[in-house]
N, C-alpha and C. Protein backbone atom coordinates (compact mmCIF):
# COMPACT_ATOMS: atom_id res chain seq x y z
N MET A 1 91.54 103.24 94.46
CA MET A 1 92.22 103.26 95.61
C MET A 1 93.02 102.13 96.09
N THR A 2 94.20 102.14 96.59
CA THR A 2 95.03 101.03 97.08
C THR A 2 94.57 100.79 98.42
N SER A 3 94.46 99.52 98.72
CA SER A 3 94.12 99.16 100.19
C SER A 3 95.40 98.89 100.98
N THR A 4 95.27 99.07 102.40
CA THR A 4 96.36 98.93 103.28
C THR A 4 95.89 98.06 104.38
N THR A 5 96.74 97.35 105.03
CA THR A 5 96.63 96.73 106.18
C THR A 5 96.85 97.43 107.47
N ARG A 6 96.40 96.85 108.68
CA ARG A 6 96.77 97.56 109.82
C ARG A 6 98.18 97.52 110.21
N SER A 7 98.66 96.49 109.70
CA SER A 7 100.13 96.18 110.27
C SER A 7 101.20 96.88 109.37
N SER A 8 100.98 97.56 108.19
CA SER A 8 101.85 98.19 107.44
C SER A 8 101.75 99.77 107.04
N TYR A 9 100.69 100.20 107.79
CA TYR A 9 100.61 101.70 107.21
C TYR A 9 101.68 102.63 107.65
N PRO A 10 102.27 103.45 106.64
CA PRO A 10 103.46 104.15 106.73
C PRO A 10 103.43 105.29 107.55
N VAL A 11 102.28 105.66 108.29
CA VAL A 11 102.11 106.95 108.99
C VAL A 11 101.52 106.58 110.52
N GLU A 12 102.15 107.01 111.50
CA GLU A 12 101.81 106.50 112.87
C GLU A 12 102.00 107.69 113.84
N PHE A 13 101.18 107.66 114.72
CA PHE A 13 101.13 108.60 115.92
C PHE A 13 100.91 108.10 117.19
N GLU A 14 101.73 108.24 117.99
CA GLU A 14 101.70 107.80 119.47
C GLU A 14 101.97 109.07 120.46
N ILE A 15 101.45 108.77 121.56
CA ILE A 15 101.97 109.69 122.63
C ILE A 15 102.15 109.12 124.00
N ASP A 16 103.37 109.45 124.43
CA ASP A 16 103.75 108.73 125.59
C ASP A 16 103.87 109.46 126.72
N ALA A 17 102.50 109.75 127.32
CA ALA A 17 102.49 110.51 128.44
C ALA A 17 101.37 110.08 129.35
N PRO A 18 101.44 110.18 130.67
CA PRO A 18 100.40 109.51 131.62
C PRO A 18 99.13 110.18 131.38
N PRO A 19 97.99 109.58 131.91
CA PRO A 19 96.67 110.18 131.89
C PRO A 19 96.58 111.27 133.06
N GLU A 20 97.36 111.37 133.93
CA GLU A 20 97.23 112.32 135.05
C GLU A 20 97.72 113.76 134.56
N VAL A 21 96.75 114.81 134.58
CA VAL A 21 97.03 116.14 134.22
C VAL A 21 96.78 117.00 135.30
N ALA A 22 97.44 117.99 135.54
CA ALA A 22 97.11 118.95 136.75
C ALA A 22 95.62 119.69 136.34
N ASN A 23 94.95 119.73 137.29
CA ASN A 23 93.61 120.18 137.19
C ASN A 23 93.36 121.50 136.35
N TRP A 24 94.32 122.44 136.72
CA TRP A 24 94.20 123.91 136.01
C TRP A 24 94.68 123.91 134.53
N ARG A 25 95.26 122.76 134.00
CA ARG A 25 95.67 122.81 132.79
C ARG A 25 94.80 122.99 131.50
N PRO A 26 93.54 122.32 131.65
CA PRO A 26 92.61 122.54 130.70
C PRO A 26 92.16 123.98 130.46
N LEU A 27 92.33 124.80 131.52
CA LEU A 27 91.86 126.18 131.47
C LEU A 27 92.86 127.13 130.82
N VAL A 28 94.00 126.84 130.82
CA VAL A 28 95.16 127.54 130.13
C VAL A 28 95.91 127.14 129.13
N HIS A 29 95.82 125.84 128.87
CA HIS A 29 96.82 125.27 127.72
C HIS A 29 96.54 125.84 126.32
N TRP A 30 95.28 126.14 126.11
CA TRP A 30 95.11 126.67 124.89
C TRP A 30 95.66 128.32 124.64
N ILE A 31 95.75 128.73 125.80
CA ILE A 31 96.38 130.13 125.87
C ILE A 31 97.79 130.22 125.55
N LEU A 32 98.48 129.18 126.54
CA LEU A 32 99.92 129.05 126.27
C LEU A 32 100.43 128.58 125.02
N ALA A 33 99.33 127.76 124.27
CA ALA A 33 99.87 127.11 123.02
C ALA A 33 99.76 128.27 121.76
N ILE A 34 99.23 129.42 122.02
CA ILE A 34 98.98 130.39 121.05
C ILE A 34 100.20 130.59 120.15
N PRO A 35 101.51 130.85 120.72
CA PRO A 35 102.54 130.99 119.96
C PRO A 35 102.88 129.83 118.77
N HIS A 36 102.63 128.42 119.37
CA HIS A 36 102.80 127.21 118.66
C HIS A 36 101.62 127.27 117.53
N LEU A 37 100.42 127.63 117.78
CA LEU A 37 99.26 127.66 117.05
C LEU A 37 99.54 128.45 115.91
N VAL A 38 100.08 129.69 116.21
CA VAL A 38 100.43 130.69 115.02
C VAL A 38 101.37 130.01 114.17
N ILE A 39 102.52 129.65 114.60
CA ILE A 39 103.55 128.99 113.67
C ILE A 39 102.80 127.81 112.87
N ALA A 40 102.32 127.06 113.67
CA ALA A 40 101.63 125.81 112.83
C ALA A 40 100.64 126.12 111.76
N ASN A 41 99.79 127.28 112.04
CA ASN A 41 99.00 127.74 110.92
C ASN A 41 99.83 128.29 109.74
N VAL A 42 100.93 129.07 109.96
CA VAL A 42 101.78 129.43 108.87
C VAL A 42 102.35 128.24 108.14
N LEU A 43 102.96 127.31 108.90
CA LEU A 43 103.53 126.05 108.30
C LEU A 43 102.42 125.40 107.52
N SER A 44 101.24 125.40 108.04
CA SER A 44 100.24 124.47 107.32
C SER A 44 99.92 125.18 105.95
N ASN A 45 99.89 126.54 106.00
CA ASN A 45 99.49 127.15 104.70
C ASN A 45 100.67 126.82 103.66
N VAL A 46 102.00 126.89 104.26
CA VAL A 46 103.09 126.64 103.23
C VAL A 46 102.94 125.29 102.85
N ALA A 47 102.61 124.32 103.76
CA ALA A 47 102.48 122.89 103.26
C ALA A 47 101.19 122.81 102.18
N SER A 48 100.34 123.33 102.40
CA SER A 48 99.30 123.38 101.34
C SER A 48 99.67 123.76 99.86
N VAL A 49 100.59 124.79 99.92
CA VAL A 49 101.20 125.16 98.71
C VAL A 49 102.12 124.31 98.10
N LEU A 50 102.82 123.70 98.97
CA LEU A 50 103.95 122.58 98.42
C LEU A 50 103.19 121.37 98.20
N ALA A 51 102.07 121.13 98.48
CA ALA A 51 101.30 119.88 98.32
C ALA A 51 100.80 120.09 96.91
N LEU A 52 100.37 121.35 96.30
CA LEU A 52 99.94 121.65 94.93
C LEU A 52 101.24 121.46 94.21
N VAL A 53 102.37 121.93 94.68
CA VAL A 53 103.58 121.78 93.77
C VAL A 53 103.92 120.44 93.56
N SER A 54 103.80 119.59 94.69
CA SER A 54 104.14 117.97 94.68
C SER A 54 103.19 117.59 93.53
N TRP A 55 101.99 117.97 93.59
CA TRP A 55 101.04 117.16 92.53
C TRP A 55 101.51 117.26 91.24
N PHE A 56 102.05 118.48 90.77
CA PHE A 56 102.49 118.72 89.39
C PHE A 56 103.75 117.81 89.27
N ILE A 57 104.55 117.78 90.33
CA ILE A 57 105.98 116.98 90.24
C ILE A 57 105.65 115.62 90.13
N ILE A 58 104.84 115.16 90.98
CA ILE A 58 104.48 113.63 90.99
C ILE A 58 103.96 113.14 89.67
N VAL A 59 102.81 113.96 89.38
CA VAL A 59 102.06 113.69 88.12
C VAL A 59 102.96 113.40 86.68
N PHE A 60 103.88 114.23 86.78
CA PHE A 60 104.87 114.35 85.48
C PHE A 60 106.16 113.64 85.74
N THR A 61 106.41 113.21 86.82
CA THR A 61 107.65 112.48 87.20
C THR A 61 107.57 111.37 87.83
N GLY A 62 106.54 111.07 88.57
CA GLY A 62 106.50 109.79 89.38
C GLY A 62 107.14 109.87 90.66
N LYS A 63 107.84 110.99 91.01
CA LYS A 63 108.67 111.11 92.25
C LYS A 63 108.32 112.28 93.11
N LEU A 64 108.42 112.09 94.28
CA LEU A 64 108.27 113.24 95.29
C LEU A 64 109.67 113.66 95.79
N PRO A 65 109.89 114.95 95.65
CA PRO A 65 111.28 115.39 96.08
C PRO A 65 111.57 115.32 97.56
N ASP A 66 112.75 114.78 97.81
CA ASP A 66 113.01 114.55 99.26
C ASP A 66 112.95 115.67 100.06
N GLY A 67 113.36 116.88 99.51
CA GLY A 67 113.22 118.05 100.40
C GLY A 67 111.76 118.56 100.86
N ILE A 68 110.80 118.44 99.85
CA ILE A 68 109.51 118.58 100.21
C ILE A 68 108.82 117.56 101.02
N ALA A 69 109.27 116.40 100.92
CA ALA A 69 108.74 115.32 101.85
C ALA A 69 109.06 115.64 103.26
N ASN A 70 110.47 115.93 103.44
CA ASN A 70 110.89 116.27 104.81
C ASN A 70 110.30 117.26 105.44
N PHE A 71 110.11 118.44 104.67
CA PHE A 71 109.38 119.65 105.07
C PHE A 71 107.91 119.26 105.62
N GLN A 72 107.26 118.36 104.74
CA GLN A 72 105.89 118.08 105.20
C GLN A 72 105.88 117.29 106.43
N CYS A 73 106.86 116.46 106.46
CA CYS A 73 106.93 115.55 107.77
C CYS A 73 106.95 116.48 108.99
N MET A 74 108.07 117.43 108.92
CA MET A 74 108.31 118.40 109.91
C MET A 74 107.08 119.24 110.33
N VAL A 75 106.13 119.54 109.36
CA VAL A 75 105.17 120.21 109.66
C VAL A 75 103.98 119.47 110.27
N LEU A 76 103.81 118.22 110.01
CA LEU A 76 102.75 117.33 110.50
C LEU A 76 103.29 117.03 111.95
N ARG A 77 104.43 116.93 112.21
CA ARG A 77 105.05 116.71 113.43
C ARG A 77 104.73 117.78 114.49
N TYR A 78 105.08 119.01 113.74
CA TYR A 78 104.92 120.29 114.61
C TYR A 78 103.40 120.46 115.03
N GLU A 79 102.49 120.09 114.06
CA GLU A 79 100.93 120.44 114.10
C GLU A 79 100.53 119.40 115.22
N LEU A 80 100.98 118.21 115.25
CA LEU A 80 100.41 117.39 116.39
C LEU A 80 100.99 117.41 117.74
N ARG A 81 102.32 118.00 117.74
CA ARG A 81 102.76 118.36 119.06
C ARG A 81 102.03 119.49 119.52
N THR A 82 101.67 120.52 118.67
CA THR A 82 101.03 121.80 119.26
C THR A 82 99.62 121.47 119.62
N TYR A 83 98.88 120.74 118.75
CA TYR A 83 97.60 120.33 119.09
C TYR A 83 97.43 119.40 120.35
N SER A 84 98.39 118.34 120.53
CA SER A 84 98.16 117.59 121.75
C SER A 84 98.45 118.44 122.94
N TYR A 85 99.28 119.47 122.98
CA TYR A 85 99.52 120.37 124.13
C TYR A 85 98.09 121.35 124.25
N ALA A 86 97.76 121.76 123.24
CA ALA A 86 96.53 122.68 123.44
C ALA A 86 95.26 122.07 123.86
N LEU A 87 95.27 120.69 123.77
CA LEU A 87 94.13 120.01 124.10
C LEU A 87 94.56 119.13 125.36
N TRP A 88 95.55 119.55 126.13
CA TRP A 88 96.02 119.07 127.57
C TRP A 88 96.21 117.61 127.46
N LEU A 89 96.73 116.97 126.47
CA LEU A 89 96.85 115.61 126.40
C LEU A 89 98.24 115.33 126.96
N ARG A 90 99.18 116.25 127.25
CA ARG A 90 100.41 116.19 127.82
C ARG A 90 100.87 117.42 128.59
N GLU A 91 101.71 117.37 129.39
CA GLU A 91 102.07 118.52 130.14
C GLU A 91 103.41 119.37 129.71
N PRO A 92 104.41 118.59 129.30
CA PRO A 92 105.52 119.12 128.73
C PRO A 92 105.33 120.15 127.47
N TYR A 93 105.65 121.49 127.60
CA TYR A 93 105.73 122.57 126.54
C TYR A 93 106.43 122.01 125.25
N PRO A 94 105.60 121.91 124.18
CA PRO A 94 106.27 121.55 122.81
C PRO A 94 107.79 122.39 122.38
N PRO A 95 108.64 121.94 121.90
CA PRO A 95 109.74 122.59 121.59
C PRO A 95 109.46 123.15 120.26
N PHE A 96 110.15 124.36 120.02
CA PHE A 96 110.09 124.98 118.66
C PHE A 96 111.21 124.35 117.80
N ASP A 97 110.75 123.18 117.39
CA ASP A 97 111.71 122.15 116.73
C ASP A 97 111.28 122.27 115.19
N PHE A 98 112.18 122.52 114.23
CA PHE A 98 111.89 122.50 112.93
C PHE A 98 112.90 121.40 112.09
N ASP A 99 113.07 120.25 112.88
CA ASP A 99 114.02 119.39 112.26
C ASP A 99 113.22 118.54 111.04
N MET A 100 113.75 118.71 109.91
CA MET A 100 113.01 118.01 108.83
C MET A 100 113.62 116.73 108.42
N VAL A 101 113.01 115.75 109.18
CA VAL A 101 113.33 114.29 109.20
C VAL A 101 112.01 113.36 109.10
N GLY A 102 112.18 112.27 108.49
CA GLY A 102 110.76 111.44 108.46
C GLY A 102 110.74 110.62 109.85
N PRO A 103 111.59 109.79 110.35
CA PRO A 103 111.56 109.22 111.71
C PRO A 103 111.46 110.26 112.76
N ASP A 104 110.64 110.09 113.64
CA ASP A 104 110.57 110.97 114.69
C ASP A 104 111.96 110.90 115.62
N PRO A 105 112.48 112.15 115.90
CA PRO A 105 113.83 112.22 116.77
C PRO A 105 113.62 111.75 118.17
N ARG A 106 112.38 111.52 118.61
CA ARG A 106 112.09 111.10 119.94
C ARG A 106 112.39 112.13 121.00
N THR A 107 112.27 113.20 120.85
CA THR A 107 112.53 114.37 121.77
C THR A 107 111.46 114.85 122.43
N ASP A 108 110.10 114.30 122.27
CA ASP A 108 108.94 114.94 122.63
C ASP A 108 108.05 113.64 123.02
N PRO A 109 107.02 113.84 124.05
CA PRO A 109 106.01 112.82 124.29
C PRO A 109 105.40 112.34 122.95
N VAL A 110 105.11 113.27 122.17
CA VAL A 110 104.40 112.90 120.94
C VAL A 110 105.31 112.37 119.80
N ARG A 111 104.91 111.20 119.25
CA ARG A 111 105.88 110.74 118.28
C ARG A 111 104.95 110.38 116.90
N VAL A 112 105.58 111.20 115.88
CA VAL A 112 104.86 111.17 114.62
C VAL A 112 105.88 110.49 113.55
N ASP A 113 105.67 109.24 113.31
CA ASP A 113 106.54 108.66 112.34
C ASP A 113 106.10 108.54 110.98
N LEU A 114 106.58 109.06 110.07
CA LEU A 114 106.13 108.97 108.62
C LEU A 114 107.26 108.27 107.73
N THR A 115 106.74 107.44 106.77
CA THR A 115 107.67 107.15 105.76
C THR A 115 107.25 107.34 104.48
N PRO A 116 107.55 108.75 103.82
CA PRO A 116 107.16 109.14 102.65
C PRO A 116 107.55 108.19 101.46
N GLN A 117 106.60 108.20 100.70
CA GLN A 117 107.01 107.40 99.33
C GLN A 117 107.67 108.29 98.23
N LEU A 118 108.82 108.20 97.97
CA LEU A 118 109.46 108.89 97.22
C LEU A 118 109.49 108.74 95.71
N ASP A 119 109.67 107.50 95.41
CA ASP A 119 109.68 106.84 94.27
C ASP A 119 108.69 106.04 93.69
N GLY A 120 108.46 105.69 92.46
CA GLY A 120 107.49 104.80 92.05
C GLY A 120 106.02 105.18 92.44
N ARG A 121 105.56 106.54 92.43
CA ARG A 121 104.52 106.90 92.91
C ARG A 121 103.46 106.51 91.84
N ASN A 122 102.12 106.36 92.44
CA ASN A 122 100.90 106.05 91.53
C ASN A 122 100.37 107.42 90.99
N ARG A 123 100.60 107.60 89.92
CA ARG A 123 100.31 108.84 89.20
C ARG A 123 98.92 109.11 89.03
N LEU A 124 98.13 107.96 88.92
CA LEU A 124 96.62 108.01 88.79
C LEU A 124 96.01 108.34 90.06
N THR A 125 96.60 107.87 91.09
CA THR A 125 95.77 108.12 92.40
C THR A 125 96.25 109.54 92.82
N VAL A 126 97.50 109.93 92.56
CA VAL A 126 97.79 111.39 92.85
C VAL A 126 97.03 112.31 92.00
N GLY A 127 96.93 111.99 90.62
CA GLY A 127 96.17 113.07 89.74
C GLY A 127 94.68 113.12 90.26
N LEU A 128 94.14 111.99 90.68
CA LEU A 128 92.71 111.98 91.20
C LEU A 128 92.60 112.15 92.65
N ARG A 129 93.62 112.64 93.42
CA ARG A 129 93.63 112.55 94.87
C ARG A 129 92.43 113.39 95.42
N ILE A 130 92.11 114.54 95.02
CA ILE A 130 91.11 115.40 95.34
C ILE A 130 89.82 114.60 95.30
N ILE A 131 89.53 113.49 94.47
CA ILE A 131 88.38 112.77 94.62
C ILE A 131 88.74 111.50 95.33
N TRP A 132 89.63 110.94 95.15
CA TRP A 132 90.04 109.68 95.82
C TRP A 132 89.89 109.83 97.45
N ILE A 133 90.24 111.21 97.92
CA ILE A 133 90.32 111.31 99.38
C ILE A 133 88.93 111.62 100.16
N ILE A 134 87.78 111.82 99.07
CA ILE A 134 86.61 112.19 99.70
C ILE A 134 85.95 111.16 100.72
N PRO A 135 85.92 109.88 100.51
CA PRO A 135 85.46 109.02 101.47
C PRO A 135 86.12 109.12 102.91
N ILE A 136 87.31 109.13 102.89
CA ILE A 136 88.21 109.00 104.19
C ILE A 136 88.11 110.53 104.93
N ALA A 137 87.96 111.64 103.82
CA ALA A 137 87.79 112.86 104.47
C ALA A 137 86.36 113.06 105.03
N VAL A 138 85.22 112.48 104.62
CA VAL A 138 84.16 112.57 105.21
C VAL A 138 83.95 111.75 106.57
N PHE A 139 84.69 110.49 106.56
CA PHE A 139 84.73 109.81 107.72
C PHE A 139 85.37 110.54 108.91
N ALA A 140 86.65 111.24 108.45
CA ALA A 140 87.36 111.99 109.37
C ALA A 140 86.59 113.13 109.77
N PHE A 141 85.87 113.80 109.06
CA PHE A 141 85.09 115.09 109.43
C PHE A 141 84.05 114.51 110.62
N VAL A 142 83.49 113.51 110.40
CA VAL A 142 82.35 113.08 111.50
C VAL A 142 83.20 112.55 112.70
N VAL A 143 84.29 111.94 112.47
CA VAL A 143 84.99 111.61 113.76
C VAL A 143 85.54 112.88 114.67
N VAL A 144 85.88 113.87 113.72
CA VAL A 144 86.55 115.08 114.53
C VAL A 144 85.12 115.79 115.20
N ILE A 145 84.12 115.84 114.56
CA ILE A 145 82.81 116.36 115.20
C ILE A 145 82.71 115.74 116.48
N ALA A 146 82.58 114.48 116.55
CA ALA A 146 82.43 113.68 117.72
C ALA A 146 83.47 113.88 118.68
N ALA A 147 84.63 114.08 118.29
CA ALA A 147 85.80 114.40 119.28
C ALA A 147 85.67 115.67 119.88
N TRP A 148 84.99 116.64 119.45
CA TRP A 148 84.74 118.08 119.93
C TRP A 148 83.81 117.64 121.24
N PHE A 149 82.76 116.84 121.08
CA PHE A 149 81.86 116.58 122.12
C PHE A 149 82.58 115.87 123.28
N VAL A 150 83.43 114.97 122.78
CA VAL A 150 84.17 114.04 123.72
C VAL A 150 85.10 115.08 124.57
N MET A 151 85.84 116.02 123.85
CA MET A 151 86.63 117.09 124.53
C MET A 151 85.94 117.86 125.63
N ILE A 152 84.60 118.09 125.43
CA ILE A 152 83.83 118.87 126.42
C ILE A 152 83.66 118.02 127.77
N VAL A 153 83.28 116.71 127.66
CA VAL A 153 83.17 115.74 128.76
C VAL A 153 84.59 115.58 129.23
N ALA A 154 85.79 115.54 128.59
CA ALA A 154 87.02 115.39 129.03
C ALA A 154 87.54 116.70 129.77
N PHE A 155 87.08 117.83 129.39
CA PHE A 155 87.48 118.96 130.12
C PHE A 155 87.08 119.02 131.61
N PHE A 156 85.70 118.83 131.74
CA PHE A 156 85.32 118.56 133.15
C PHE A 156 85.84 117.40 133.77
N ALA A 157 86.16 116.26 133.13
CA ALA A 157 86.81 115.06 133.90
C ALA A 157 88.09 115.52 134.46
N VAL A 158 88.92 116.10 133.53
CA VAL A 158 90.29 116.48 134.09
C VAL A 158 90.14 117.67 135.03
N LEU A 159 89.35 118.60 134.87
CA LEU A 159 89.13 119.75 135.70
C LEU A 159 88.88 119.32 137.16
N PHE A 160 87.86 118.33 137.25
CA PHE A 160 87.55 117.98 138.57
C PHE A 160 88.43 116.74 139.13
N THR A 161 89.10 115.83 138.25
CA THR A 161 89.65 114.71 138.86
C THR A 161 91.04 114.58 138.60
N GLY A 162 91.53 115.56 137.70
CA GLY A 162 93.08 115.68 137.10
C GLY A 162 93.53 114.44 136.43
N ARG A 163 92.54 113.60 135.85
CA ARG A 163 92.97 112.56 135.08
C ARG A 163 92.08 112.38 133.81
N TRP A 164 92.71 112.02 132.82
CA TRP A 164 91.93 111.74 131.61
C TRP A 164 91.32 110.45 131.75
N PRO A 165 90.00 110.31 131.50
CA PRO A 165 89.41 108.85 131.30
C PRO A 165 90.09 108.02 130.14
N ASN A 166 90.35 107.01 130.39
CA ASN A 166 91.17 106.21 129.54
C ASN A 166 90.38 106.11 128.14
N GLY A 167 89.05 105.64 128.10
CA GLY A 167 88.35 105.71 126.84
C GLY A 167 88.40 106.98 126.05
N LEU A 168 88.22 107.94 126.73
CA LEU A 168 88.10 109.27 126.14
C LEU A 168 89.41 109.69 125.53
N ARG A 169 90.32 109.28 126.16
CA ARG A 169 91.72 109.73 125.78
C ARG A 169 92.24 109.00 124.72
N ARG A 170 91.91 107.68 124.58
CA ARG A 170 92.14 106.80 123.40
C ARG A 170 91.27 107.24 122.24
N PHE A 171 90.17 107.84 122.38
CA PHE A 171 89.54 108.17 121.35
C PHE A 171 90.06 109.61 120.67
N ILE A 172 90.35 110.38 121.65
CA ILE A 172 91.10 111.77 121.08
C ILE A 172 92.39 111.43 120.50
N VAL A 173 93.20 110.54 121.00
CA VAL A 173 94.56 110.21 120.42
C VAL A 173 94.22 109.46 119.05
N GLY A 174 93.24 108.52 118.94
CA GLY A 174 92.66 107.96 117.70
C GLY A 174 92.43 108.96 116.68
N THR A 175 91.70 109.84 117.28
CA THR A 175 91.15 111.00 116.25
C THR A 175 92.48 111.80 115.63
N GLY A 176 93.41 112.14 116.54
CA GLY A 176 94.68 112.59 115.94
C GLY A 176 95.28 111.65 114.98
N ARG A 177 95.40 110.33 115.37
CA ARG A 177 96.01 109.44 114.41
C ARG A 177 95.35 109.52 113.07
N LEU A 178 94.07 109.43 113.03
CA LEU A 178 93.19 109.57 111.72
C LEU A 178 93.47 110.94 110.90
N TRP A 179 93.57 112.02 111.61
CA TRP A 179 93.69 113.31 111.14
C TRP A 179 95.16 113.41 110.49
N LEU A 180 96.15 112.73 111.12
CA LEU A 180 97.53 112.66 110.58
C LEU A 180 97.51 111.85 109.37
N ARG A 181 96.88 110.68 109.36
CA ARG A 181 97.04 109.82 108.07
C ARG A 181 96.25 110.44 107.09
N VAL A 182 95.06 111.12 107.21
CA VAL A 182 94.55 111.82 105.99
C VAL A 182 95.18 112.90 105.55
N SER A 183 95.89 113.65 106.50
CA SER A 183 96.66 114.74 106.01
C SER A 183 97.91 114.28 105.33
N ALA A 184 98.44 113.35 105.79
CA ALA A 184 99.63 112.74 104.99
C ALA A 184 99.34 112.29 103.53
N TYR A 185 98.07 111.69 103.43
CA TYR A 185 97.65 111.39 102.22
C TYR A 185 97.28 112.51 101.37
N GLY A 186 96.64 113.45 101.95
CA GLY A 186 96.08 114.81 101.23
C GLY A 186 97.27 115.45 100.79
N ARG A 187 98.29 115.46 101.47
CA ARG A 187 99.55 116.22 101.08
C ARG A 187 100.43 115.48 100.22
N LEU A 188 100.05 114.19 99.77
CA LEU A 188 100.75 113.47 98.74
C LEU A 188 101.92 112.84 99.37
N LEU A 189 102.17 112.72 100.65
CA LEU A 189 103.29 111.93 101.17
C LEU A 189 103.28 110.52 100.95
N VAL A 190 102.06 109.77 100.82
CA VAL A 190 101.96 108.38 100.70
C VAL A 190 100.70 108.21 99.64
N ASP A 191 100.93 106.95 99.08
CA ASP A 191 99.82 106.40 98.30
C ASP A 191 98.90 105.71 98.86
N ASP A 192 99.37 104.91 99.87
CA ASP A 192 98.46 103.97 100.54
C ASP A 192 97.29 104.62 101.13
N TYR A 193 96.07 104.18 100.89
CA TYR A 193 94.84 104.77 101.44
C TYR A 193 94.64 104.48 102.89
N PRO A 194 94.47 105.57 103.55
CA PRO A 194 94.41 105.62 105.11
C PRO A 194 93.25 104.52 105.54
N PRO A 195 93.45 103.69 106.54
CA PRO A 195 92.36 102.90 107.06
C PRO A 195 91.37 103.59 107.66
N PHE A 196 90.03 103.08 107.50
CA PHE A 196 88.90 103.75 108.28
C PHE A 196 88.96 103.37 109.69
N SER A 197 89.85 103.59 110.48
CA SER A 197 90.16 103.22 111.78
C SER A 197 90.89 104.13 112.53
N LEU A 198 90.70 104.16 114.05
CA LEU A 198 91.42 105.16 114.88
C LEU A 198 92.64 104.42 115.42
N ALA A 199 92.79 103.15 115.25
CA ALA A 199 93.83 102.24 115.97
C ALA A 199 95.09 102.46 115.44
N ALA A 200 96.04 102.18 116.16
CA ALA A 200 97.50 102.14 115.82
C ALA A 200 97.72 100.96 115.07
N SER A 201 98.81 101.11 114.18
CA SER A 201 99.15 99.79 113.45
C SER A 201 99.72 98.94 114.31
N ALA A 202 99.57 97.58 113.85
CA ALA A 202 100.29 96.57 114.67
C ALA A 202 101.58 96.73 114.97
N GLY A 203 102.42 97.53 114.20
CA GLY A 203 103.60 97.83 114.36
C GLY A 203 103.94 98.85 115.42
N GLY A 204 102.98 99.76 115.69
CA GLY A 204 103.19 100.63 116.58
C GLY A 204 102.94 100.40 118.07
N GLN A 205 103.48 101.28 118.91
CA GLN A 205 103.61 100.81 120.17
C GLN A 205 102.13 101.13 120.96
N ALA A 206 101.52 102.06 120.30
CA ALA A 206 100.16 102.56 120.87
C ALA A 206 100.41 102.82 122.50
N ALA A 207 101.35 103.75 122.51
CA ALA A 207 101.82 104.03 124.06
C ALA A 207 100.60 104.70 124.82
N GLU A 208 99.59 105.15 124.16
CA GLU A 208 98.45 105.87 124.93
C GLU A 208 97.61 104.74 125.67
N ALA A 209 97.73 103.55 125.28
CA ALA A 209 96.98 102.50 125.91
C ALA A 209 97.95 101.74 126.95
N ASP A 210 98.98 102.11 127.16
CA ASP A 210 99.78 101.40 128.03
C ASP A 210 100.00 102.05 129.58
N TRP A 211 98.99 103.06 129.86
CA TRP A 211 99.01 103.55 131.26
C TRP A 211 97.86 103.06 131.97
N PRO A 212 98.01 102.60 133.25
CA PRO A 212 99.28 102.56 133.93
C PRO A 212 100.16 101.29 133.21
N PRO A 213 101.37 101.34 133.54
CA PRO A 213 102.25 100.33 132.84
C PRO A 213 101.91 99.06 133.40
N PRO A 214 101.97 98.06 132.57
CA PRO A 214 101.78 96.64 133.14
C PRO A 214 102.56 96.38 134.29
N ALA A 215 102.08 95.25 135.24
CA ALA A 215 102.87 94.84 136.40
C ALA A 215 103.82 93.93 135.95
N PRO A 216 104.94 93.92 136.43
CA PRO A 216 106.12 92.96 136.07
C PRO A 216 105.63 91.53 136.47
N PRO A 217 106.07 90.78 135.59
CA PRO A 217 105.88 89.28 135.88
C PRO A 217 106.33 88.82 137.15
N VAL A 218 105.48 87.95 137.78
CA VAL A 218 105.95 87.46 139.17
C VAL A 218 106.72 86.09 138.92
């Protein structure tokens, strides 16, 4: 496994939305999100097939085709936008956007920035990725299970107060960040091993922690 530092991980997830959410949204967002959830599921299946294709290409050539990388970036961005809406982390409805680029176009409150590693790939870690990924996948599985319990508490908190508790919101956003990094690693977009952390990289803005905005200097 290759190690990585918090300041340099090439996959980042941020959400720029206030913690205030209309009380009724937890009741209906998952219904309104159904069209996006269906599309996200189809895209995810295609991405899984392309990940297998990428495995053969990288193992034999040491390179990841740019077209496949861009498609995988689009799928991951689409999935995060969909899930963030279904879990009422934001109010604006996600766009049906299939723009295949790595850097996020900044057209949505959810920002998913990926820097795919196209050349000079580590054929050993790619060839053994199904084994290499096990420790972080187990960690992510435990975190996701915990996140479902957190969502139950958040459901009632938002339902009765119209606001996400900051700690719960940061945990859910951090879980999404962890899921994104593990997915990018599993779909062979990067060779850097995902950190066992929910925190944003030092270079990320971590917008989910910036509400309310800091007071201006006096």
